[in-house]
Amino acid sequence: MLTALQVKNAKTGEHADGKNLYLRVSDTGNRSWVFRFQLDGKRRKMGLGTVLALPTGEARAEAARLRVMVKKGTAPRKSRRCGRN
């Protein structure tokens, strides 16, 4: 798991926090959370929000909730669009 200092000082690219959660740092320095998963044999990514809008602890909790959905065979994106979060 990434520490607060690692999140703050991370360089451009994607950095694994663990359990399907990644920190994405853009060339401009913007930091956001990405949830990676595989469903129906396809790899997918889902943006969760910026580090400012979604603190690390909340991002980890959201990733845990989404992992349960994927395990049940439900596509997280589909439920988000339908307002079933």
N, C-alpha and C. Protein backbone atom coordinates (compact mmCIF):
# COMPACT_ATOMS: atom_id res chain seq x y z
N MET A 1 0.85 -1.19 0.00
CA MET A 1 0.00 0.00 0.00
C MET A 1 0.89 1.24 0.00
N LEU A 2 0.42 2.22 -0.72
CA LEU A 2 1.17 3.47 -0.82
C LEU A 2 0.97 4.31 0.45
N THR A 3 2.04 4.94 0.89
CA THR A 3 1.94 5.85 2.02
C THR A 3 1.51 7.22 1.51
N ALA A 4 1.12 8.10 2.41
CA ALA A 4 0.72 9.47 2.03
C ALA A 4 1.88 10.18 1.32
N LEU A 5 3.08 9.96 1.79
CA LEU A 5 4.26 10.59 1.18
C LEU A 5 4.51 10.05 -0.22
N GLN A 6 4.32 8.74 -0.41
CA GLN A 6 4.49 8.15 -1.74
C GLN A 6 3.44 8.68 -2.71
N VAL A 7 2.21 8.87 -2.25
CA VAL A 7 1.16 9.43 -3.11
C VAL A 7 1.53 10.85 -3.50
N LYS A 8 2.02 11.62 -2.55
CA LYS A 8 2.37 13.01 -2.79
C LYS A 8 3.55 13.14 -3.75
N ASN A 9 4.56 12.26 -3.62
CA ASN A 9 5.80 12.38 -4.39
C ASN A 9 5.87 11.48 -5.62
N ALA A 10 4.81 10.77 -5.94
CA ALA A 10 4.85 9.82 -7.06
C ALA A 10 5.13 10.54 -8.38
N LYS A 11 5.92 9.90 -9.21
CA LYS A 11 6.26 10.42 -10.53
C LYS A 11 5.21 9.99 -11.55
N THR A 12 5.30 10.50 -12.76
CA THR A 12 4.36 10.19 -13.84
C THR A 12 4.25 8.68 -14.05
N GLY A 13 3.01 8.20 -14.24
CA GLY A 13 2.77 6.78 -14.49
C GLY A 13 1.70 6.23 -13.57
N GLU A 14 1.56 4.92 -13.56
CA GLU A 14 0.60 4.26 -12.67
C GLU A 14 1.36 3.50 -11.59
N HIS A 15 0.89 3.64 -10.37
CA HIS A 15 1.55 3.05 -9.21
C HIS A 15 0.55 2.19 -8.46
N ALA A 16 0.88 0.92 -8.24
CA ALA A 16 -0.02 -0.01 -7.59
C ALA A 16 -0.12 0.29 -6.09
N ASP A 17 -1.36 0.41 -5.62
CA ASP A 17 -1.61 0.52 -4.19
C ASP A 17 -1.93 -0.85 -3.62
N GLY A 18 -2.36 -1.76 -4.48
CA GLY A 18 -2.71 -3.11 -4.08
C GLY A 18 -4.19 -3.36 -4.26
N LYS A 19 -4.54 -4.64 -4.46
CA LYS A 19 -5.93 -5.06 -4.58
C LYS A 19 -6.70 -4.28 -5.64
N ASN A 20 -6.13 -4.20 -6.84
CA ASN A 20 -6.77 -3.60 -8.01
C ASN A 20 -6.83 -2.08 -8.01
N LEU A 21 -6.24 -1.41 -7.05
CA LEU A 21 -6.27 0.04 -6.98
C LEU A 21 -4.92 0.60 -7.40
N TYR A 22 -4.97 1.61 -8.29
CA TYR A 22 -3.76 2.24 -8.80
C TYR A 22 -3.86 3.75 -8.70
N LEU A 23 -2.71 4.37 -8.46
CA LEU A 23 -2.59 5.82 -8.48
C LEU A 23 -2.04 6.19 -9.85
N ARG A 24 -2.76 7.02 -10.58
CA ARG A 24 -2.30 7.48 -11.89
C ARG A 24 -1.84 8.92 -11.75
N VAL A 25 -0.61 9.17 -12.18
CA VAL A 25 -0.04 10.52 -12.15
C VAL A 25 0.20 10.95 -13.59
N SER A 26 -0.44 12.03 -14.01
CA SER A 26 -0.31 12.52 -15.39
C SER A 26 0.97 13.33 -15.54
N ASP A 27 1.26 13.67 -16.78
CA ASP A 27 2.44 14.49 -17.08
C ASP A 27 2.37 15.86 -16.41
N THR A 28 1.15 16.34 -16.19
CA THR A 28 0.97 17.65 -15.55
C THR A 28 0.99 17.57 -14.03
N GLY A 29 1.08 16.33 -13.49
CA GLY A 29 1.15 16.15 -12.05
C GLY A 29 -0.19 15.87 -11.39
N ASN A 30 -1.26 15.83 -12.18
CA ASN A 30 -2.57 15.49 -11.61
C ASN A 30 -2.56 14.04 -11.14
N ARG A 31 -3.17 13.81 -9.99
CA ARG A 31 -3.20 12.48 -9.40
C ARG A 31 -4.64 12.00 -9.28
N SER A 32 -4.87 10.77 -9.75
CA SER A 32 -6.21 10.21 -9.66
C SER A 32 -6.13 8.71 -9.39
N TRP A 33 -7.25 8.16 -8.92
CA TRP A 33 -7.34 6.74 -8.59
C TRP A 33 -8.00 5.99 -9.74
N VAL A 34 -7.46 4.80 -10.02
CA VAL A 34 -8.00 3.94 -11.07
C VAL A 34 -8.20 2.54 -10.49
N PHE A 35 -9.35 1.96 -10.78
CA PHE A 35 -9.65 0.59 -10.37
C PHE A 35 -9.53 -0.29 -11.61
N ARG A 36 -8.69 -1.30 -11.56
CA ARG A 36 -8.51 -2.25 -12.67
C ARG A 36 -9.20 -3.54 -12.30
N PHE A 37 -9.88 -4.13 -13.29
CA PHE A 37 -10.54 -5.41 -13.04
C PHE A 37 -10.69 -6.18 -14.33
N GLN A 38 -11.04 -7.45 -14.18
CA GLN A 38 -11.29 -8.29 -15.35
C GLN A 38 -12.67 -8.90 -15.18
N LEU A 39 -13.47 -8.80 -16.23
CA LEU A 39 -14.83 -9.33 -16.21
C LEU A 39 -15.13 -9.90 -17.59
N ASP A 40 -15.68 -11.08 -17.62
CA ASP A 40 -15.99 -11.76 -18.89
C ASP A 40 -14.76 -11.88 -19.78
N GLY A 41 -13.61 -12.09 -19.17
CA GLY A 41 -12.38 -12.28 -19.92
C GLY A 41 -11.76 -11.01 -20.48
N LYS A 42 -12.32 -9.86 -20.15
CA LYS A 42 -11.79 -8.59 -20.66
C LYS A 42 -11.23 -7.75 -19.51
N ARG A 43 -10.05 -7.19 -19.74
CA ARG A 43 -9.45 -6.30 -18.75
C ARG A 43 -10.04 -4.91 -18.92
N ARG A 44 -10.33 -4.27 -17.80
CA ARG A 44 -10.96 -2.95 -17.84
C ARG A 44 -10.36 -2.05 -16.78
N LYS A 45 -10.53 -0.75 -16.99
CA LYS A 45 -10.11 0.25 -16.02
C LYS A 45 -11.28 1.18 -15.76
N MET A 46 -11.36 1.65 -14.53
CA MET A 46 -12.44 2.55 -14.15
C MET A 46 -11.85 3.65 -13.27
N GLY A 47 -12.01 4.90 -13.68
CA GLY A 47 -11.53 6.02 -12.89
C GLY A 47 -12.42 6.24 -11.69
N LEU A 48 -11.83 6.49 -10.54
CA LEU A 48 -12.60 6.70 -9.32
C LEU A 48 -12.65 8.16 -8.90
N GLY A 49 -11.69 8.95 -9.34
CA GLY A 49 -11.65 10.36 -8.98
C GLY A 49 -10.25 10.80 -8.61
N THR A 50 -10.11 12.09 -8.39
CA THR A 50 -8.80 12.65 -8.05
C THR A 50 -8.46 12.37 -6.60
N VAL A 51 -7.19 12.47 -6.30
CA VAL A 51 -6.72 12.27 -4.93
C VAL A 51 -7.31 13.34 -4.01
N LEU A 52 -7.51 14.56 -4.53
CA LEU A 52 -8.09 15.63 -3.71
C LEU A 52 -9.55 15.36 -3.38
N ALA A 53 -10.29 14.81 -4.35
CA ALA A 53 -11.72 14.54 -4.13
C ALA A 53 -11.95 13.23 -3.39
N LEU A 54 -11.03 12.29 -3.51
CA LEU A 54 -11.18 10.97 -2.92
C LEU A 54 -9.90 10.59 -2.19
N PRO A 55 -9.85 10.85 -0.89
CA PRO A 55 -8.65 10.52 -0.11
C PRO A 55 -8.32 9.02 -0.20
N THR A 56 -7.10 8.69 0.11
CA THR A 56 -6.60 7.32 -0.03
C THR A 56 -7.49 6.30 0.66
N GLY A 57 -7.89 6.54 1.88
CA GLY A 57 -8.73 5.59 2.62
C GLY A 57 -10.06 5.35 1.94
N GLU A 58 -10.66 6.41 1.43
CA GLU A 58 -11.94 6.29 0.73
C GLU A 58 -11.77 5.56 -0.60
N ALA A 59 -10.66 5.80 -1.29
CA ALA A 59 -10.39 5.10 -2.55
C ALA A 59 -10.24 3.61 -2.29
N ARG A 60 -9.58 3.25 -1.22
CA ARG A 60 -9.41 1.83 -0.88
C ARG A 60 -10.76 1.18 -0.53
N ALA A 61 -11.60 1.91 0.17
CA ALA A 61 -12.92 1.39 0.52
C ALA A 61 -13.77 1.20 -0.74
N GLU A 62 -13.72 2.15 -1.66
CA GLU A 62 -14.47 2.05 -2.91
C GLU A 62 -13.95 0.88 -3.74
N ALA A 63 -12.64 0.69 -3.79
CA ALA A 63 -12.07 -0.44 -4.53
C ALA A 63 -12.53 -1.76 -3.92
N ALA A 64 -12.61 -1.84 -2.61
CA ALA A 64 -13.10 -3.05 -1.95
C ALA A 64 -14.54 -3.33 -2.33
N ARG A 65 -15.37 -2.30 -2.37
CA ARG A 65 -16.78 -2.45 -2.74
C ARG A 65 -16.89 -2.92 -4.20
N LEU A 66 -16.07 -2.36 -5.06
CA LEU A 66 -16.10 -2.73 -6.47
C LEU A 66 -15.58 -4.15 -6.70
N ARG A 67 -14.59 -4.58 -5.90
CA ARG A 67 -14.10 -5.96 -6.02
C ARG A 67 -15.20 -6.96 -5.72
N VAL A 68 -16.04 -6.66 -4.74
CA VAL A 68 -17.17 -7.54 -4.40
C VAL A 68 -18.13 -7.63 -5.59
N MET A 69 -18.41 -6.49 -6.22
CA MET A 69 -19.30 -6.48 -7.37
C MET A 69 -18.74 -7.33 -8.51
N VAL A 70 -17.45 -7.18 -8.78
CA VAL A 70 -16.81 -7.94 -9.86
C VAL A 70 -16.86 -9.43 -9.55
N LYS A 71 -16.61 -9.77 -8.29
CA LYS A 71 -16.64 -11.18 -7.88
C LYS A 71 -18.03 -11.78 -8.11
N LYS A 72 -19.07 -10.97 -7.96
CA LYS A 72 -20.45 -11.43 -8.18
C LYS A 72 -20.81 -11.42 -9.66
N GLY A 73 -19.93 -10.90 -10.51
CA GLY A 73 -20.17 -10.87 -11.94
C GLY A 73 -20.87 -9.61 -12.43
N THR A 74 -20.97 -8.60 -11.57
CA THR A 74 -21.61 -7.34 -11.93
C THR A 74 -20.57 -6.34 -12.42
N ALA A 75 -20.85 -5.71 -13.54
CA ALA A 75 -19.93 -4.70 -14.07
C ALA A 75 -20.07 -3.41 -13.27
N PRO A 76 -19.01 -2.94 -12.62
CA PRO A 76 -19.10 -1.71 -11.83
C PRO A 76 -19.55 -0.50 -12.62
N ARG A 77 -19.12 -0.35 -13.85
CA ARG A 77 -19.50 0.80 -14.66
C ARG A 77 -21.00 0.82 -14.90
N LYS A 78 -21.57 -0.34 -15.17
CA LYS A 78 -23.00 -0.42 -15.45
C LYS A 78 -23.81 0.03 -14.23
N SER A 79 -23.41 -0.40 -13.05
CA SER A 79 -24.15 -0.02 -11.85
C SER A 79 -23.98 1.46 -11.55
N ARG A 80 -22.84 2.02 -11.89
CA ARG A 80 -22.59 3.45 -11.65
C ARG A 80 -23.53 4.29 -12.52
N ARG A 81 -23.69 3.91 -13.79
CA ARG A 81 -24.55 4.64 -14.71
C ARG A 81 -26.02 4.56 -14.29
N CYS A 82 -26.39 3.45 -13.71
CA CYS A 82 -27.79 3.25 -13.33
C CYS A 82 -28.11 3.85 -11.96
N GLY A 83 -27.09 4.41 -11.31
CA GLY A 83 -27.31 5.04 -10.01
C GLY A 83 -27.49 4.07 -8.87
N ARG A 84 -26.90 2.88 -9.00
CA ARG A 84 -27.05 1.88 -7.95
C ARG A 84 -25.81 1.79 -7.09
N ASN A 85 -25.07 2.85 -6.91
CA ASN A 85 -23.87 2.82 -6.09
C ASN A 85 -24.17 2.65 -4.66
